[in-house]
Amino acid sequence: MQAITVKDRAAAVSGLTLSEVPHPHAAENDVIVKVHAAGFTPGELDWPSTWTDRAGRDRTPTVPGHELSGVVTELGYGTTGLTIGQRVFGLTDWTRNGTLAQYTAVEARSLAPLPADVDHVTAAALPISGLTAWQGLFDHAHLTTGQNVLIHGAAGGVGSLAVQLAREAGARVIATGRAADRDTALGLGADTFVDLQAEKLEDIGEVDVVFDVIGGEILERSTALVRPGGTLVTIAEPVTVHPHDGRAIFFVVEPDRARLADLAQRLRDGRLKPTIGAVHPLAEAASAFTPDKRTPGKTIIRVTEA
C-alpha cells in the first residue's frame, strides 16, 4: 500500500516521501481502517514518539499523522464496539505508524462511530483539535459560564474550536492571532480580538483562563494575565513560568471515544465547525506542509477519493 514515510529527523517536513509499505497487522484490540482522510501536524516530527516505539526502539521509516476518518476493514482479536464496514474517526497512538497511509492499525478504543451525514474531510479535522480544545478548557481549566478566557491562535485548528466551545459554554472570549485572523475569530464568536503583532497583550487585563497553543514569549507574558485562582493551560511546551497565584498546566491530548461522539453531534447540530484550510491528495502530502506555506485552519490529506 502507499503511505507517506519519514526517516530523517533532521530533514523535517522536507523528508516526507510517498512510499510503498507493508499492509498493517491488527494486534489484539486493534482495527484496521481504510483511511479516507487524515490530519498531520508538522510539529509531530519533533516528538520523540514519532521516531521510537513504546519501548524506545527506533521504528524508522515511520508513517506520521494521528487523525483519521475512514472505514473499518478488519477486526483484531478481542475488539468490541465496532464492526467491519463501519464509518469511524479518531485519534491514533503516538508511538505507532499513523494515518498518512491507505490503511492503518488503530486501537478500537481510540475511534468513534462517524455519522453518515458527516463527510470524511470534516471528520478528520476534528479529533486532535476538538479533543485538545475540550480537554484544555473544561477538563484542565474547568472553564465555566461568565468567566473570561484568552485563547491564543484563535484562527488555527485547535484555537478555532476552543473559541466555539468556550462561547457556547457562556464564557467571554478574547481571541488572539495575526491581523488577517481577526474576522475569522470574531466570526466564530470571539468577543474581542487582539493582533499579537500590533497590539499590546498586556492591555487585556486579568482573565480566568488562558488557553495557549503558541508557547515561547507569548506563553511567558500570558502568565501575568491570570487572575488569582485562575488557570493557564498550554499544549506548546512544559511551563517554566507560573502565574503568581494560579495554576499552570501543560498537557498532551488523550483519546476519548465518548467525547469524540459528543463533538460529532455538535458538528451535526451546527454548534461546532472545524476551520479547514487546504485539502490535498496523499501524493501531494509532502509539499502540503512546506515551511513557507501558512494556511488558516487545518490542512487535511484526502487519502481515498469518495
C-alpha atoms as a PDB file:
ATOM      1  CA  MET A   1       0.000   0.000   0.000  1.00  0.00           C
ATOM      2  CA  GLN A   2       1.030   3.632  -0.340  1.00  0.00           C
ATOM      3  CA  ALA A   3       1.940   5.827   2.610  1.00  0.00           C
ATOM      4  CA  ILE A   4       3.901   8.934   3.461  1.00  0.00           C
ATOM      5  CA  THR A   5       7.055   7.961   5.341  1.00  0.00           C
ATOM      6  CA  VAL A   6       9.890   9.835   7.018  1.00  0.00           C
ATOM      7  CA  LYS A   7      13.246   8.501   8.204  1.00  0.00           C
ATOM      8  CA  ASP A   8      15.462  11.564   8.655  1.00  0.00           C
ATOM      9  CA  ARG A   9      14.613  13.615  11.731  1.00  0.00           C
ATOM     10  CA  ALA A  10      16.896  16.460  10.690  1.00  0.00           C
ATOM     11  CA  ALA A  11      15.138  16.822   7.330  1.00  0.00           C
ATOM     12  CA  ALA A  12      11.806  17.741   8.989  1.00  0.00           C
ATOM     13  CA  VAL A  13       8.888  18.038   6.525  1.00  0.00           C
ATOM     14  CA  SER A  14      11.253  18.022   3.538  1.00  0.00           C
ATOM     15  CA  GLY A  15      11.954  14.391   4.415  1.00  0.00           C
ATOM     16  CA  LEU A  16       8.353  13.272   3.836  1.00  0.00           C
ATOM     17  CA  THR A  17       8.247  10.737   0.993  1.00  0.00           C
ATOM     18  CA  LEU A  18       5.485   8.790  -0.772  1.00  0.00           C
ATOM     19  CA  SER A  19       6.464   5.126  -0.374  1.00  0.00           C
ATOM     20  CA  GLU A  20       5.238   1.559  -0.734  1.00  0.00           C
ATOM     21  CA  VAL A  21       4.937  -0.051   2.719  1.00  0.00           C
ATOM     22  CA  PRO A  22       3.526  -3.350   4.043  1.00  0.00           C
ATOM     23  CA  HIS A  23      -0.156  -3.591   4.906  1.00  0.00           C
ATOM     24  CA  PRO A  24      -0.619  -3.133   8.688  1.00  0.00           C
ATOM     25  CA  HIS A  25      -1.374  -6.022  11.037  1.00  0.00           C
ATOM     26  CA  ALA A  26      -4.269  -5.873  13.509  1.00  0.00           C
ATOM     27  CA  ALA A  27      -2.974  -6.646  17.005  1.00  0.00           C
ATOM     28  CA  GLU A  28      -5.249  -7.506  19.926  1.00  0.00           C
ATOM     29  CA  ASN A  29      -7.991  -4.870  20.405  1.00  0.00           C
ATOM     30  CA  ASP A  30      -6.998  -3.202  17.112  1.00  0.00           C
ATOM     31  CA  VAL A  31      -8.966  -2.478  13.994  1.00  0.00           C
ATOM     32  CA  ILE A  32      -7.620  -1.856  10.504  1.00  0.00           C
ATOM     33  CA  VAL A  33      -9.087   1.272   8.965  1.00  0.00           C
ATOM     34  CA  LYS A  34      -9.139   2.176   5.293  1.00  0.00           C
ATOM     35  CA  VAL A  35      -8.209   5.834   5.586  1.00  0.00           C
ATOM     36  CA  HIS A  36     -10.357   8.276   3.638  1.00  0.00           C
ATOM     37  CA  ALA A  37      -8.966  11.498   5.110  1.00  0.00           C
ATOM     38  CA  ALA A  38      -6.158  12.252   7.550  1.00  0.00           C
ATOM     39  CA  GLY A  39      -4.687  15.062   9.580  1.00  0.00           C
ATOM     40  CA  PHE A  40      -0.997  15.783  10.150  1.00  0.00           C
ATOM     41  CA  THR A  41       0.721  18.250  12.480  1.00  0.00           C
ATOM     42  CA  PRO A  42       4.186  19.286  11.209  1.00  0.00           C
ATOM     43  CA  GLY A  43       5.344  19.681  14.816  1.00  0.00           C
ATOM     44  CA  GLU A  44       4.945  15.946  15.404  1.00  0.00           C
ATOM     45  CA  LEU A  45       8.241  15.404  13.588  1.00  0.00           C
ATOM     46  CA  ASP A  46       9.883  16.869  16.705  1.00  0.00           C
ATOM     47  CA  TRP A  47       8.158  14.422  19.062  1.00  0.00           C
ATOM     48  CA  PRO A  48      10.295  11.504  20.330  1.00  0.00           C
ATOM     49  CA  SER A  49       7.297   9.183  19.877  1.00  0.00           C
ATOM     50  CA  THR A  50       7.417   9.771  16.121  1.00  0.00           C
ATOM     51  CA  TRP A  51      10.771   8.019  15.933  1.00  0.00           C
ATOM     52  CA  THR A  52      10.563   5.240  18.542  1.00  0.00           C
ATOM     53  CA  ASP A  53       8.095   2.639  19.756  1.00  0.00           C
ATOM     54  CA  ARG A  54       6.798   2.287  23.320  1.00  0.00           C
ATOM     55  CA  ALA A  55       9.992   0.505  24.329  1.00  0.00           C
ATOM     56  CA  GLY A  56      12.174   3.303  22.971  1.00  0.00           C
ATOM     57  CA  ARG A  57      13.384   1.335  19.928  1.00  0.00           C
ATOM     58  CA  ASP A  58      13.915   3.041  16.584  1.00  0.00           C
ATOM     59  CA  ARG A  59      10.968   2.486  14.233  1.00  0.00           C
ATOM     60  CA  THR A  60      12.017   4.416  11.140  1.00  0.00           C
ATOM     61  CA  PRO A  61      10.928   4.759   8.425  1.00  0.00           C
ATOM     62  CA  THR A  62       7.776   5.873  10.185  1.00  0.00           C
ATOM     63  CA  VAL A  63       4.356   6.866   8.886  1.00  0.00           C
ATOM     64  CA  PRO A  64       3.280  10.166  10.504  1.00  0.00           C
ATOM     65  CA  GLY A  65      -0.209  11.548  11.106  1.00  0.00           C
ATOM     66  CA  HIS A  66      -2.529  10.900  14.051  1.00  0.00           C
ATOM     67  CA  GLU A  67      -6.026  11.918  12.911  1.00  0.00           C
ATOM     68  CA  LEU A  68      -8.207   9.935  10.570  1.00  0.00           C
ATOM     69  CA  SER A  69     -11.631   9.312   9.185  1.00  0.00           C
ATOM     70  CA  GLY A  70     -12.363   6.122   7.301  1.00  0.00           C
ATOM     71  CA  VAL A  71     -13.979   2.686   7.248  1.00  0.00           C
ATOM     72  CA  VAL A  72     -13.176  -0.397   9.348  1.00  0.00           C
ATOM     73  CA  THR A  73     -11.926  -3.275   7.180  1.00  0.00           C
ATOM     74  CA  GLU A  74     -10.590  -5.746   9.757  1.00  0.00           C
ATOM     75  CA  LEU A  75     -11.072  -6.515  13.452  1.00  0.00           C
ATOM     76  CA  GLY A  76      -8.272  -7.720  15.717  1.00  0.00           C
ATOM     77  CA  TYR A  77      -8.777 -10.350  18.420  1.00  0.00           C
ATOM     78  CA  GLY A  78     -10.859  -9.101  21.344  1.00  0.00           C
ATOM     79  CA  THR A  79     -12.114  -5.983  19.592  1.00  0.00           C
ATOM     80  CA  THR A  80     -15.558  -4.818  20.684  1.00  0.00           C
ATOM     81  CA  GLY A  81     -17.831  -1.901  19.871  1.00  0.00           C
ATOM     82  CA  LEU A  82     -17.025  -1.636  16.150  1.00  0.00           C
ATOM     83  CA  THR A  83     -17.902  -3.670  13.064  1.00  0.00           C
ATOM     84  CA  ILE A  84     -16.416  -4.257   9.628  1.00  0.00           C
ATOM     85  CA  GLY A  85     -17.721  -1.675   7.165  1.00  0.00           C
ATOM     86  CA  GLN A  86     -18.426   0.899   9.871  1.00  0.00           C
ATOM     87  CA  ARG A  87     -17.500   4.552   9.302  1.00  0.00           C
ATOM     88  CA  VAL A  88     -15.224   5.800  12.088  1.00  0.00           C
ATOM     89  CA  PHE A  89     -12.976   8.707  13.019  1.00  0.00           C
ATOM     90  CA  GLY A  90     -10.489   9.278  15.768  1.00  0.00           C
ATOM     91  CA  LEU A  91      -7.025   9.683  17.174  1.00  0.00           C
ATOM     92  CA  THR A  92      -4.235   7.125  16.720  1.00  0.00           C
ATOM     93  CA  ASP A  93      -1.423   6.042  19.025  1.00  0.00           C
ATOM     94  CA  TRP A  94       1.606   8.378  19.185  1.00  0.00           C
ATOM     95  CA  THR A  95       4.175   5.539  19.053  1.00  0.00           C
ATOM     96  CA  ARG A  96       2.851   3.575  16.045  1.00  0.00           C
ATOM     97  CA  ASN A  97       2.609   4.191  12.338  1.00  0.00           C
ATOM     98  CA  GLY A  98      -0.009   6.806  11.670  1.00  0.00           C
ATOM     99  CA  THR A  99      -2.670   7.960   9.270  1.00  0.00           C
ATOM    100  CA  LEU A 100      -0.927   9.297   6.154  1.00  0.00           C
ATOM    101  CA  ALA A 101      -1.460   5.891   4.594  1.00  0.00           C
ATOM    102  CA  GLN A 102      -4.120   3.968   2.718  1.00  0.00           C
ATOM    103  CA  TYR A 103      -4.630   1.681   5.728  1.00  0.00           C
ATOM    104  CA  THR A 104      -3.637   1.941   9.382  1.00  0.00           C
ATOM    105  CA  ALA A 105      -3.965  -0.093  12.574  1.00  0.00           C
ATOM    106  CA  VAL A 106      -5.693   1.687  15.480  1.00  0.00           C
ATOM    107  CA  GLU A 107      -6.780   0.701  18.953  1.00  0.00           C
ATOM    108  CA  ALA A 108     -10.560   0.412  18.789  1.00  0.00           C
ATOM    109  CA  ARG A 109     -10.984   2.489  21.954  1.00  0.00           C
ATOM    110  CA  SER A 110      -9.459   5.488  20.156  1.00  0.00           C
ATOM    111  CA  LEU A 111     -12.182   5.569  17.491  1.00  0.00           C
ATOM    112  CA  ALA A 112     -15.793   6.710  17.499  1.00  0.00           C
ATOM    113  CA  PRO A 113     -18.591   5.929  15.025  1.00  0.00           C
ATOM    114  CA  LEU A 114     -18.919   8.571  12.311  1.00  0.00           C
ATOM    115  CA  PRO A 115     -22.476   9.618  11.430  1.00  0.00           C
ATOM    116  CA  ALA A 116     -23.414   9.089   7.793  1.00  0.00           C
ATOM    117  CA  ASP A 117     -24.093  12.794   7.244  1.00  0.00           C
ATOM    118  CA  VAL A 118     -20.576  13.918   8.258  1.00  0.00           C
ATOM    119  CA  ASP A 119     -18.019  13.800   5.442  1.00  0.00           C
ATOM    120  CA  HIS A 120     -14.585  12.288   5.982  1.00  0.00           C
ATOM    121  CA  VAL A 121     -12.611  15.506   5.358  1.00  0.00           C
ATOM    122  CA  THR A 122     -14.546  17.381   8.039  1.00  0.00           C
ATOM    123  CA  ALA A 123     -14.291  14.466  10.465  1.00  0.00           C
ATOM    124  CA  ALA A 124     -10.507  14.214  10.029  1.00  0.00           C
ATOM    125  CA  ALA A 125     -10.142  17.813  11.201  1.00  0.00           C
ATOM    126  CA  LEU A 126     -11.900  17.110  14.494  1.00  0.00           C
ATOM    127  CA  PRO A 127     -10.034  14.523  16.656  1.00  0.00           C
ATOM    128  CA  ILE A 128      -6.856  16.255  17.864  1.00  0.00           C
ATOM    129  CA  SER A 129      -8.180  19.805  17.622  1.00  0.00           C
ATOM    130  CA  GLY A 130     -11.571  19.044  19.141  1.00  0.00           C
ATOM    131  CA  LEU A 131     -10.317  16.854  21.972  1.00  0.00           C
ATOM    132  CA  THR A 132      -7.469  19.265  22.743  1.00  0.00           C
ATOM    133  CA  ALA A 133      -9.831  22.233  22.903  1.00  0.00           C
ATOM    134  CA  TRP A 134     -12.310  20.392  25.132  1.00  0.00           C
ATOM    135  CA  GLN A 135      -9.742  18.878  27.483  1.00  0.00           C
ATOM    136  CA  GLY A 136      -7.848  22.148  27.834  1.00  0.00           C
ATOM    137  CA  LEU A 137     -10.876  24.321  28.525  1.00  0.00           C
ATOM    138  CA  PHE A 138     -13.003  22.017  30.647  1.00  0.00           C
ATOM    139  CA  ASP A 139     -11.020  19.034  31.958  1.00  0.00           C
ATOM    140  CA  HIS A 140      -7.943  21.072  32.939  1.00  0.00           C
ATOM    141  CA  ALA A 141      -9.010  24.728  33.255  1.00  0.00           C
ATOM    142  CA  HIS A 142     -12.585  23.978  34.434  1.00  0.00           C
ATOM    143  CA  LEU A 143     -13.969  26.921  32.443  1.00  0.00           C
ATOM    144  CA  THR A 144     -17.484  27.934  33.496  1.00  0.00           C
ATOM    145  CA  THR A 145     -20.205  30.346  32.448  1.00  0.00           C
ATOM    146  CA  GLY A 146     -19.375  34.005  32.992  1.00  0.00           C
ATOM    147  CA  GLN A 147     -15.599  33.596  33.080  1.00  0.00           C
ATOM    148  CA  ASN A 148     -13.131  35.375  30.792  1.00  0.00           C
ATOM    149  CA  VAL A 149     -10.903  33.172  28.625  1.00  0.00           C
ATOM    150  CA  LEU A 150      -7.946  34.267  26.499  1.00  0.00           C
ATOM    151  CA  ILE A 151      -7.411  31.939  23.516  1.00  0.00           C
ATOM    152  CA  HIS A 152      -4.179  32.259  21.561  1.00  0.00           C
ATOM    153  CA  GLY A 153      -4.064  31.185  17.918  1.00  0.00           C
ATOM    154  CA  ALA A 154      -7.823  31.548  17.644  1.00  0.00           C
ATOM    155  CA  ALA A 155      -7.979  31.012  13.881  1.00  0.00           C
ATOM    156  CA  GLY A 156      -5.990  27.764  13.939  1.00  0.00           C
ATOM    157  CA  GLY A 157      -7.238  24.193  14.113  1.00  0.00           C
ATOM    158  CA  VAL A 158      -7.309  23.985  17.923  1.00  0.00           C
ATOM    159  CA  GLY A 159      -7.970  27.638  18.682  1.00  0.00           C
ATOM    160  CA  SER A 160     -10.947  27.953  16.356  1.00  0.00           C
ATOM    161  CA  LEU A 161     -12.731  25.053  18.076  1.00  0.00           C
ATOM    162  CA  ALA A 162     -11.772  26.370  21.522  1.00  0.00           C
ATOM    163  CA  VAL A 163     -13.396  29.711  20.679  1.00  0.00           C
ATOM    164  CA  GLN A 164     -16.651  27.998  19.685  1.00  0.00           C
ATOM    165  CA  LEU A 165     -16.747  25.680  22.706  1.00  0.00           C
ATOM    166  CA  ALA A 166     -15.944  28.469  25.152  1.00  0.00           C
ATOM    167  CA  ARG A 167     -18.563  30.726  23.616  1.00  0.00           C
ATOM    168  CA  GLU A 168     -21.229  28.023  23.833  1.00  0.00           C
ATOM    169  CA  ALA A 169     -20.300  27.483  27.490  1.00  0.00           C
ATOM    170  CA  GLY A 170     -21.168  31.103  28.222  1.00  0.00           C
ATOM    171  CA  ALA A 171     -17.638  32.441  28.657  1.00  0.00           C
ATOM    172  CA  ARG A 172     -16.397  35.796  27.397  1.00  0.00           C
ATOM    173  CA  VAL A 173     -13.796  35.013  24.731  1.00  0.00           C
ATOM    174  CA  ILE A 174     -10.727  37.125  23.979  1.00  0.00           C
ATOM    175  CA  ALA A 175      -9.019  35.791  20.859  1.00  0.00           C
ATOM    176  CA  THR A 176      -5.509  36.472  19.579  1.00  0.00           C
ATOM    177  CA  GLY A 177      -3.642  35.935  16.334  1.00  0.00           C
ATOM    178  CA  ARG A 178      -2.389  37.866  13.340  1.00  0.00           C
ATOM    179  CA  ALA A 179      -4.279  40.773  11.816  1.00  0.00           C
ATOM    180  CA  ALA A 180      -5.565  38.557   8.998  1.00  0.00           C
ATOM    181  CA  ASP A 181      -7.207  36.279  11.591  1.00  0.00           C
ATOM    182  CA  ARG A 182      -9.437  38.967  13.116  1.00  0.00           C
ATOM    183  CA  ASP A 183     -12.554  38.414  11.004  1.00  0.00           C
ATOM    184  CA  THR A 184     -12.295  34.639  11.340  1.00  0.00           C
ATOM    185  CA  ALA A 185     -12.024  34.754  15.126  1.00  0.00           C
ATOM    186  CA  LEU A 186     -14.839  37.247  15.555  1.00  0.00           C
ATOM    187  CA  GLY A 187     -16.998  35.249  13.145  1.00  0.00           C
ATOM    188  CA  LEU A 188     -16.516  32.169  15.306  1.00  0.00           C
ATOM    189  CA  GLY A 189     -17.926  34.012  18.305  1.00  0.00           C
ATOM    190  CA  ALA A 190     -14.990  35.753  19.983  1.00  0.00           C
ATOM    191  CA  ASP A 191     -15.998  38.923  21.837  1.00  0.00           C
ATOM    192  CA  THR A 192     -12.658  40.676  21.313  1.00  0.00           C
ATOM    193  CA  PHE A 193      -9.605  40.150  19.105  1.00  0.00           C
ATOM    194  CA  VAL A 194      -6.005  41.162  19.816  1.00  0.00           C
ATOM    195  CA  ASP A 195      -3.449  41.383  16.998  1.00  0.00           C
ATOM    196  CA  LEU A 196      -0.286  39.994  18.597  1.00  0.00           C
ATOM    197  CA  GLN A 197       1.903  41.809  16.069  1.00  0.00           C
ATOM    198  CA  ALA A 198       0.433  45.275  16.523  1.00  0.00           C
ATOM    199  CA  GLU A 199      -1.438  45.430  19.854  1.00  0.00           C
ATOM    200  CA  LYS A 200      -0.286  45.045  23.462  1.00  0.00           C
ATOM    201  CA  LEU A 201      -1.235  41.742  25.022  1.00  0.00           C
ATOM    202  CA  GLU A 202      -0.931  43.274  28.494  1.00  0.00           C
ATOM    203  CA  ASP A 203      -3.811  45.697  27.774  1.00  0.00           C
ATOM    204  CA  ILE A 204      -6.248  42.772  28.001  1.00  0.00           C
ATOM    205  CA  GLY A 205      -6.184  42.808  31.788  1.00  0.00           C
ATOM    206  CA  GLU A 206      -6.757  39.803  34.026  1.00  0.00           C
ATOM    207  CA  VAL A 207      -8.578  36.688  32.827  1.00  0.00           C
ATOM    208  CA  ASP A 208      -9.791  33.498  34.472  1.00  0.00           C
ATOM    209  CA  VAL A 209      -8.289  31.167  31.878  1.00  0.00           C
ATOM    210  CA  VAL A 210      -5.506  31.362  29.297  1.00  0.00           C
ATOM    211  CA  PHE A 211      -5.503  28.697  26.557  1.00  0.00           C
ATOM    212  CA  ASP A 212      -2.149  28.723  24.780  1.00  0.00           C
ATOM    213  CA  VAL A 213      -1.057  26.936  21.602  1.00  0.00           C
ATOM    214  CA  ILE A 214       1.942  29.156  20.781  1.00  0.00           C
ATOM    215  CA  GLY A 215       4.449  28.872  23.630  1.00  0.00           C
ATOM    216  CA  GLY A 216       7.653  30.913  23.941  1.00  0.00           C
ATOM    217  CA  GLU A 217       7.394  34.592  24.762  1.00  0.00           C
ATOM    218  CA  ILE A 218       3.606  34.669  24.373  1.00  0.00           C
ATOM    219  CA  LEU A 219       3.237  31.900  26.950  1.00  0.00           C
ATOM    220  CA  GLU A 220       5.560  33.644  29.419  1.00  0.00           C
ATOM    221  CA  ARG A 221       3.827  37.024  29.049  1.00  0.00           C
ATOM    222  CA  SER A 222       0.420  35.398  29.452  1.00  0.00           C
ATOM    223  CA  THR A 223       1.186  34.142  32.966  1.00  0.00           C
ATOM    224  CA  ALA A 224       0.892  37.715  34.292  1.00  0.00           C
ATOM    225  CA  LEU A 225      -2.674  37.934  32.930  1.00  0.00           C
ATOM    226  CA  VAL A 226      -4.043  35.045  35.025  1.00  0.00           C
ATOM    227  CA  ARG A 227      -6.065  36.408  37.938  1.00  0.00           C
ATOM    228  CA  PRO A 228      -5.708  34.843  41.413  1.00  0.00           C
ATOM    229  CA  GLY A 229      -7.204  31.357  41.342  1.00  0.00           C
ATOM    230  CA  GLY A 230      -7.153  31.237  37.550  1.00  0.00           C
ATOM    231  CA  THR A 231      -5.541  28.724  35.201  1.00  0.00           C
ATOM    232  CA  LEU A 232      -3.144  28.780  32.280  1.00  0.00           C
ATOM    233  CA  VAL A 233      -3.182  25.700  30.042  1.00  0.00           C
ATOM    234  CA  THR A 234      -0.779  25.135  27.183  1.00  0.00           C
ATOM    235  CA  ILE A 235      -0.117  22.429  24.618  1.00  0.00           C
ATOM    236  CA  ALA A 236       3.013  24.121  23.268  1.00  0.00           C
ATOM    237  CA  GLU A 237       5.701  23.268  25.837  1.00  0.00           C
ATOM    238  CA  PRO A 238       6.210  22.478  29.527  1.00  0.00           C
ATOM    239  CA  VAL A 239       5.593  25.532  31.697  1.00  0.00           C
ATOM    240  CA  THR A 240       8.638  27.183  33.283  1.00  0.00           C
ATOM    241  CA  VAL A 241       6.997  30.452  34.437  1.00  0.00           C
ATOM    242  CA  HIS A 242       3.865  30.177  36.576  1.00  0.00           C
ATOM    243  CA  PRO A 243       1.072  32.643  37.419  1.00  0.00           C
ATOM    244  CA  HIS A 244       1.646  34.377  40.770  1.00  0.00           C
ATOM    245  CA  ASP A 245      -1.450  32.913  42.406  1.00  0.00           C
ATOM    246  CA  GLY A 246      -2.863  30.438  39.890  1.00  0.00           C
ATOM    247  CA  ARG A 247      -2.264  27.136  38.154  1.00  0.00           C
ATOM    248  CA  ALA A 248      -0.236  26.377  35.022  1.00  0.00           C
ATOM    249  CA  ILE A 249      -0.792  23.100  33.162  1.00  0.00           C
ATOM    250  CA  PHE A 250       0.955  21.575  30.160  1.00  0.00           C
ATOM    251  CA  PHE A 251      -0.925  18.615  28.718  1.00  0.00           C
ATOM    252  CA  VAL A 252      -0.987  16.209  25.792  1.00  0.00           C
ATOM    253  CA  VAL A 253      -4.358  15.298  24.321  1.00  0.00           C
ATOM    254  CA  GLU A 254      -5.741  11.841  25.107  1.00  0.00           C
ATOM    255  CA  PRO A 255      -8.151   9.628  23.133  1.00  0.00           C
ATOM    256  CA  ASP A 256     -11.765   9.742  24.319  1.00  0.00           C
ATOM    257  CA  ARG A 257     -14.432   7.855  22.334  1.00  0.00           C
ATOM    258  CA  ALA A 258     -17.367   9.357  24.232  1.00  0.00           C
ATOM    259  CA  ARG A 259     -16.126  12.917  23.764  1.00  0.00           C
ATOM    260  CA  LEU A 260     -15.473  12.321  20.069  1.00  0.00           C
ATOM    261  CA  ALA A 261     -19.082  11.189  19.696  1.00  0.00           C
ATOM    262  CA  ASP A 262     -20.217  14.332  21.516  1.00  0.00           C
ATOM    263  CA  LEU A 263     -18.121  16.560  19.249  1.00  0.00           C
ATOM    264  CA  ALA A 264     -19.568  14.831  16.170  1.00  0.00           C
ATOM    265  CA  GLN A 265     -23.078  15.502  17.435  1.00  0.00           C
ATOM    266  CA  ARG A 266     -22.237  19.175  17.991  1.00  0.00           C
ATOM    267  CA  LEU A 267     -20.962  19.308  14.435  1.00  0.00           C
ATOM    268  CA  ARG A 268     -24.201  17.753  13.142  1.00  0.00           C
ATOM    269  CA  ASP A 269     -26.253  20.247  15.165  1.00  0.00           C
ATOM    270  CA  GLY A 270     -24.346  23.162  13.673  1.00  0.00           C
ATOM    271  CA  ARG A 271     -22.908  24.131  17.056  1.00  0.00           C
ATOM    272  CA  LEU A 272     -19.326  23.349  16.039  1.00  0.00           C
ATOM    273  CA  LYS A 273     -17.476  23.842  12.780  1.00  0.00           C
ATOM    274  CA  PRO A 274     -13.824  22.925  12.199  1.00  0.00           C
ATOM    275  CA  THR A 275     -11.839  25.507  10.280  1.00  0.00           C
ATOM    276  CA  ILE A 276     -10.484  23.523   7.334  1.00  0.00           C
ATOM    277  CA  GLY A 277      -7.728  25.036   5.241  1.00  0.00           C
ATOM    278  CA  ALA A 278      -6.270  23.286   2.216  1.00  0.00           C
ATOM    279  CA  VAL A 279      -7.177  19.718   1.179  1.00  0.00           C
ATOM    280  CA  HIS A 280      -4.514  17.729  -0.705  1.00  0.00           C
ATOM    281  CA  PRO A 281      -4.316  14.182  -2.090  1.00  0.00           C
ATOM    282  CA  LEU A 282      -1.891  11.742  -0.451  1.00  0.00           C
ATOM    283  CA  ALA A 283       0.598  12.100  -3.306  1.00  0.00           C
ATOM    284  CA  GLU A 284       0.912  15.826  -2.540  1.00  0.00           C
ATOM    285  CA  ALA A 285       1.189  15.489   1.241  1.00  0.00           C
ATOM    286  CA  ALA A 286       4.922  16.154   1.294  1.00  0.00           C
ATOM    287  CA  SER A 287       4.558  19.508  -0.474  1.00  0.00           C
ATOM    288  CA  ALA A 288       1.456  20.492   1.529  1.00  0.00           C
ATOM    289  CA  PHE A 289       3.488  21.215   4.658  1.00  0.00           C
ATOM    290  CA  THR A 290       6.473  23.153   3.328  1.00  0.00           C
ATOM    291  CA  PRO A 291       7.616  25.755   5.894  1.00  0.00           C
ATOM    292  CA  ASP A 292       6.861  28.760   3.676  1.00  0.00           C
ATOM    293  CA  LYS A 293       3.159  27.855   3.450  1.00  0.00           C
ATOM    294  CA  ARG A 294       0.723  29.235   6.014  1.00  0.00           C
ATOM    295  CA  THR A 295      -2.876  28.168   5.510  1.00  0.00           C
ATOM    296  CA  PRO A 296      -5.528  29.251   8.023  1.00  0.00           C
ATOM    297  CA  GLY A 297      -7.257  26.300   9.621  1.00  0.00           C
ATOM    298  CA  LYS A 298      -6.414  22.614   9.453  1.00  0.00           C
ATOM    299  CA  THR A 299      -4.728  21.115   6.391  1.00  0.00           C
ATOM    300  CA  ILE A 300      -6.302  17.763   5.510  1.00  0.00           C
ATOM    301  CA  ILE A 301      -4.935  14.955   3.340  1.00  0.00           C
ATOM    302  CA  ARG A 302      -7.597  13.175   1.280  1.00  0.00           C
ATOM    303  CA  VAL A 303      -6.291   9.611   1.061  1.00  0.00           C
ATOM    304  CA  THR A 304      -9.237   7.884  -0.640  1.00  0.00           C
ATOM    305  CA  GLU A 305     -11.436   9.657  -3.144  1.00  0.00           C
ATOM    306  CA  ALA A 306     -15.135   9.429  -2.343  1.00  0.00           C
END
